Amino acid sequence: MIRRVIAGAERVLGLHAPGRNLAVFPDDTFLVSYPKSGNTWARFLIANLIHPGEKIDFSNVNRIIPGPEVTRNRELMLPLLLLPISIPAVVSMTRATTGILTGEFVPIVHIKFLAAYCVVFTAACFLLFDMVLNAE
């Protein structure tokens, strides 16, 4: 039991990278098969066993029993979604820094833009926090 708690804490803190040193416990179960050999069928079967009262279909099987392609792509979504949002701030910071260091111009426009950017996205965080937190 202590080994399981320590291994879980290491995973949560990011101190453990799965691979050859993966902690395997006696009650762990692995579902392994070749690609295109029935993974989706097996996930439907397991989802129906775990949630017998819920209708399992292609729209919710990835939420109930995520496949490896779903979990791998989920990690890439946040940086891809944040890139277009962060580009204007990075460009404005770069121009403001250039103006300050070279002394060629006063970067007041870029500083005002960054202040407005911070106000807008801070307000958006406060307004959307509950909705994002309670989303399924």
C-alpha atoms as a PDB file:
ATOM      1  CA  MET A   1       0.000   0.000   0.000  1.00  0.00           C
ATOM      2  CA  ILE A   2       2.834   2.392   0.842  1.00  0.00           C
ATOM      3  CA  ARG A   3       4.556   1.606  -2.494  1.00  0.00           C
ATOM      4  CA  ARG A   4       1.349   2.515  -4.343  1.00  0.00           C
ATOM      5  CA  VAL A   5       1.024   5.852  -2.495  1.00  0.00           C
ATOM      6  CA  ILE A   6       4.676   6.738  -3.131  1.00  0.00           C
ATOM      7  CA  ALA A   7       4.403   5.785  -6.828  1.00  0.00           C
ATOM      8  CA  GLY A   8       1.201   7.838  -7.174  1.00  0.00           C
ATOM      9  CA  ALA A   9       2.808  10.859  -5.514  1.00  0.00           C
ATOM     10  CA  GLU A  10       5.805  10.597  -7.850  1.00  0.00           C
ATOM     11  CA  ARG A  11       3.494  10.531 -10.890  1.00  0.00           C
ATOM     12  CA  VAL A  12       1.506  13.541  -9.654  1.00  0.00           C
ATOM     13  CA  LEU A  13       4.641  15.558  -8.952  1.00  0.00           C
ATOM     14  CA  GLY A  14       6.135  14.638 -12.333  1.00  0.00           C
ATOM     15  CA  LEU A  15       9.095  12.830 -10.787  1.00  0.00           C
ATOM     16  CA  HIS A  16       8.318   9.531 -12.487  1.00  0.00           C
ATOM     17  CA  ALA A  17       8.452   9.035 -16.235  1.00  0.00           C
ATOM     18  CA  PRO A  18       6.708   5.821 -17.287  1.00  0.00           C
ATOM     19  CA  GLY A  19       8.730   3.361 -19.289  1.00  0.00           C
ATOM     20  CA  ARG A  20      11.038   0.615 -18.162  1.00  0.00           C
ATOM     21  CA  ASN A  21      10.751   1.828 -14.548  1.00  0.00           C
ATOM     22  CA  LEU A  22       6.934   1.743 -14.487  1.00  0.00           C
ATOM     23  CA  ALA A  23       5.636   0.603 -11.098  1.00  0.00           C
ATOM     24  CA  VAL A  24       3.411  -2.445 -11.690  1.00  0.00           C
ATOM     25  CA  PHE A  25       1.240  -3.753  -8.871  1.00  0.00           C
ATOM     26  CA  PRO A  26      -0.379  -7.199  -8.521  1.00  0.00           C
ATOM     27  CA  ASP A  27      -3.899  -5.862  -9.151  1.00  0.00           C
ATOM     28  CA  ASP A  28      -2.985  -3.801 -12.263  1.00  0.00           C
ATOM     29  CA  THR A  29      -4.608  -4.837 -15.538  1.00  0.00           C
ATOM     30  CA  PHE A  30      -3.210  -4.069 -18.986  1.00  0.00           C
ATOM     31  CA  LEU A  31      -5.208  -4.220 -22.203  1.00  0.00           C
ATOM     32  CA  VAL A  32      -2.687  -4.727 -24.995  1.00  0.00           C
ATOM     33  CA  SER A  33      -3.283  -5.593 -28.641  1.00  0.00           C
ATOM     34  CA  TYR A  34      -2.080  -4.831 -32.130  1.00  0.00           C
ATOM     35  CA  PRO A  35      -3.449  -1.721 -33.876  1.00  0.00           C
ATOM     36  CA  LYS A  36      -6.639  -2.284 -35.849  1.00  0.00           C
ATOM     37  CA  SER A  37      -7.246  -5.596 -34.070  1.00  0.00           C
ATOM     38  CA  GLY A  38     -10.249  -4.764 -31.922  1.00  0.00           C
ATOM     39  CA  ASN A  39      -9.131  -2.047 -29.507  1.00  0.00           C
ATOM     40  CA  THR A  40     -12.342  -0.086 -29.951  1.00  0.00           C
ATOM     41  CA  TRP A  41     -14.448  -3.227 -29.576  1.00  0.00           C
ATOM     42  CA  ALA A  42     -12.629  -4.099 -26.346  1.00  0.00           C
ATOM     43  CA  ARG A  43     -13.065  -0.548 -25.030  1.00  0.00           C
ATOM     44  CA  PHE A  44     -16.815  -0.752 -25.747  1.00  0.00           C
ATOM     45  CA  LEU A  45     -16.961  -4.061 -23.864  1.00  0.00           C
ATOM     46  CA  ILE A  46     -15.108  -2.678 -20.833  1.00  0.00           C
ATOM     47  CA  ALA A  47     -17.156   0.547 -20.846  1.00  0.00           C
ATOM     48  CA  ASN A  48     -20.383  -1.468 -20.832  1.00  0.00           C
ATOM     49  CA  LEU A  49     -19.088  -3.566 -17.929  1.00  0.00           C
ATOM     50  CA  ILE A  50     -18.053  -0.516 -15.907  1.00  0.00           C
ATOM     51  CA  HIS A  51     -21.171   1.574 -16.687  1.00  0.00           C
ATOM     52  CA  PRO A  52     -24.036  -0.890 -17.311  1.00  0.00           C
ATOM     53  CA  GLY A  53     -26.747   1.776 -17.027  1.00  0.00           C
ATOM     54  CA  GLU A  54     -25.213   4.196 -19.524  1.00  0.00           C
ATOM     55  CA  LYS A  55     -25.566   3.935 -23.295  1.00  0.00           C
ATOM     56  CA  ILE A  56     -22.078   3.587 -24.757  1.00  0.00           C
ATOM     57  CA  ASP A  57     -21.500   4.803 -28.301  1.00  0.00           C
ATOM     58  CA  PHE A  58     -18.762   6.435 -30.356  1.00  0.00           C
ATOM     59  CA  SER A  59     -19.565   9.875 -28.916  1.00  0.00           C
ATOM     60  CA  ASN A  60     -18.733   8.932 -25.329  1.00  0.00           C
ATOM     61  CA  VAL A  61     -16.441   5.871 -25.405  1.00  0.00           C
ATOM     62  CA  ASN A  62     -13.305   8.071 -25.450  1.00  0.00           C
ATOM     63  CA  ARG A  63     -14.503   9.887 -22.340  1.00  0.00           C
ATOM     64  CA  ILE A  64     -15.198   6.673 -20.433  1.00  0.00           C
ATOM     65  CA  ILE A  65     -12.271   4.513 -21.633  1.00  0.00           C
ATOM     66  CA  PRO A  66      -9.731   6.789 -23.322  1.00  0.00           C
ATOM     67  CA  GLY A  67      -7.510   5.178 -25.900  1.00  0.00           C
ATOM     68  CA  PRO A  68      -3.802   5.925 -26.172  1.00  0.00           C
ATOM     69  CA  GLU A  69      -4.321   8.259 -29.128  1.00  0.00           C
ATOM     70  CA  VAL A  70      -6.817  10.331 -27.123  1.00  0.00           C
ATOM     71  CA  THR A  71      -4.574  10.801 -24.086  1.00  0.00           C
ATOM     72  CA  ARG A  72      -1.507  11.561 -26.219  1.00  0.00           C
ATOM     73  CA  ASN A  73      -3.318  14.226 -28.274  1.00  0.00           C
ATOM     74  CA  ARG A  74      -4.925  15.796 -25.225  1.00  0.00           C
ATOM     75  CA  GLU A  75      -1.499  16.893 -23.984  1.00  0.00           C
ATOM     76  CA  LEU A  76      -0.903  18.772 -27.243  1.00  0.00           C
ATOM     77  CA  MET A  77      -4.196  20.672 -27.276  1.00  0.00           C
ATOM     78  CA  LEU A  78      -3.471  23.352 -24.669  1.00  0.00           C
ATOM     79  CA  PRO A  79      -0.270  24.679 -26.290  1.00  0.00           C
ATOM     80  CA  LEU A  80      -1.943  24.671 -29.701  1.00  0.00           C
ATOM     81  CA  LEU A  81      -4.957  26.571 -28.373  1.00  0.00           C
ATOM     82  CA  LEU A  82      -2.818  29.105 -26.493  1.00  0.00           C
ATOM     83  CA  LEU A  83      -0.401  29.865 -29.335  1.00  0.00           C
ATOM     84  CA  PRO A  84      -2.705  32.216 -31.324  1.00  0.00           C
ATOM     85  CA  ILE A  85      -3.728  33.952 -28.110  1.00  0.00           C
ATOM     86  CA  SER A  86      -0.173  34.546 -26.929  1.00  0.00           C
ATOM     87  CA  ILE A  87       1.373  35.771 -30.209  1.00  0.00           C
ATOM     88  CA  PRO A  88       0.105  39.393 -29.924  1.00  0.00           C
ATOM     89  CA  ALA A  89       1.523  39.685 -26.401  1.00  0.00           C
ATOM     90  CA  VAL A  90       4.901  38.252 -27.403  1.00  0.00           C
ATOM     91  CA  VAL A  91       5.154  40.589 -30.411  1.00  0.00           C
ATOM     92  CA  SER A  92       4.205  43.590 -28.297  1.00  0.00           C
ATOM     93  CA  MET A  93       6.692  42.653 -25.559  1.00  0.00           C
ATOM     94  CA  THR A  94       9.430  42.255 -28.152  1.00  0.00           C
ATOM     95  CA  ARG A  95       8.713  45.633 -29.734  1.00  0.00           C
ATOM     96  CA  ALA A  96       8.490  47.363 -26.342  1.00  0.00           C
ATOM     97  CA  THR A  97      11.778  45.833 -25.232  1.00  0.00           C
ATOM     98  CA  THR A  98      13.421  46.831 -28.517  1.00  0.00           C
ATOM     99  CA  GLY A  99      12.188  50.393 -28.092  1.00  0.00           C
ATOM    100  CA  ILE A 100      13.464  50.594 -24.523  1.00  0.00           C
ATOM    101  CA  LEU A 101      16.887  49.073 -25.233  1.00  0.00           C
ATOM    102  CA  THR A 102      17.621  50.945 -28.462  1.00  0.00           C
ATOM    103  CA  GLY A 103      16.059  54.236 -27.399  1.00  0.00           C
ATOM    104  CA  GLU A 104      14.691  54.757 -30.917  1.00  0.00           C
ATOM    105  CA  PHE A 105      11.095  55.267 -29.772  1.00  0.00           C
ATOM    106  CA  VAL A 106       8.994  55.402 -26.619  1.00  0.00           C
ATOM    107  CA  PRO A 107       7.033  52.132 -26.432  1.00  0.00           C
ATOM    108  CA  ILE A 108       4.005  53.596 -24.671  1.00  0.00           C
ATOM    109  CA  VAL A 109       1.607  52.132 -27.263  1.00  0.00           C
ATOM    110  CA  HIS A 110       2.951  48.630 -26.724  1.00  0.00           C
ATOM    111  CA  ILE A 111       2.863  48.996 -22.942  1.00  0.00           C
ATOM    112  CA  LYS A 112      -0.774  50.175 -23.080  1.00  0.00           C
ATOM    113  CA  PHE A 113      -1.595  47.236 -25.353  1.00  0.00           C
ATOM    114  CA  LEU A 114      -0.015  44.804 -22.858  1.00  0.00           C
ATOM    115  CA  ALA A 115      -1.947  46.382 -19.981  1.00  0.00           C
ATOM    116  CA  ALA A 116      -5.223  46.050 -21.896  1.00  0.00           C
ATOM    117  CA  TYR A 117      -4.283  42.486 -22.844  1.00  0.00           C
ATOM    118  CA  CYS A 118      -3.749  41.627 -19.170  1.00  0.00           C
ATOM    119  CA  VAL A 119      -7.047  43.220 -18.136  1.00  0.00           C
ATOM    120  CA  VAL A 120      -9.036  41.410 -20.845  1.00  0.00           C
ATOM    121  CA  PHE A 121      -7.598  37.970 -20.161  1.00  0.00           C
ATOM    122  CA  THR A 122      -7.733  38.358 -16.375  1.00  0.00           C
ATOM    123  CA  ALA A 123     -11.419  39.308 -16.661  1.00  0.00           C
ATOM    124  CA  ALA A 124     -11.994  36.343 -18.999  1.00  0.00           C
ATOM    125  CA  CYS A 125     -10.401  34.020 -16.436  1.00  0.00           C
ATOM    126  CA  PHE A 126     -12.662  35.270 -13.667  1.00  0.00           C
ATOM    127  CA  LEU A 127     -15.773  35.023 -15.858  1.00  0.00           C
ATOM    128  CA  LEU A 128     -15.028  31.580 -17.310  1.00  0.00           C
ATOM    129  CA  PHE A 129     -13.493  29.850 -14.284  1.00  0.00           C
ATOM    130  CA  ASP A 130     -16.685  28.230 -12.947  1.00  0.00           C
ATOM    131  CA  MET A 131     -17.836  27.144 -16.392  1.00  0.00           C
ATOM    132  CA  VAL A 132     -14.494  25.501 -17.213  1.00  0.00           C
ATOM    133  CA  LEU A 133     -14.194  23.915 -13.795  1.00  0.00           C
ATOM    134  CA  ASN A 134     -17.668  22.354 -13.984  1.00  0.00           C
ATOM    135  CA  ALA A 135     -17.454  21.262 -17.635  1.00  0.00           C
ATOM    136  CA  GLU A 136     -17.461  17.579 -18.451  1.00  0.00           C
END
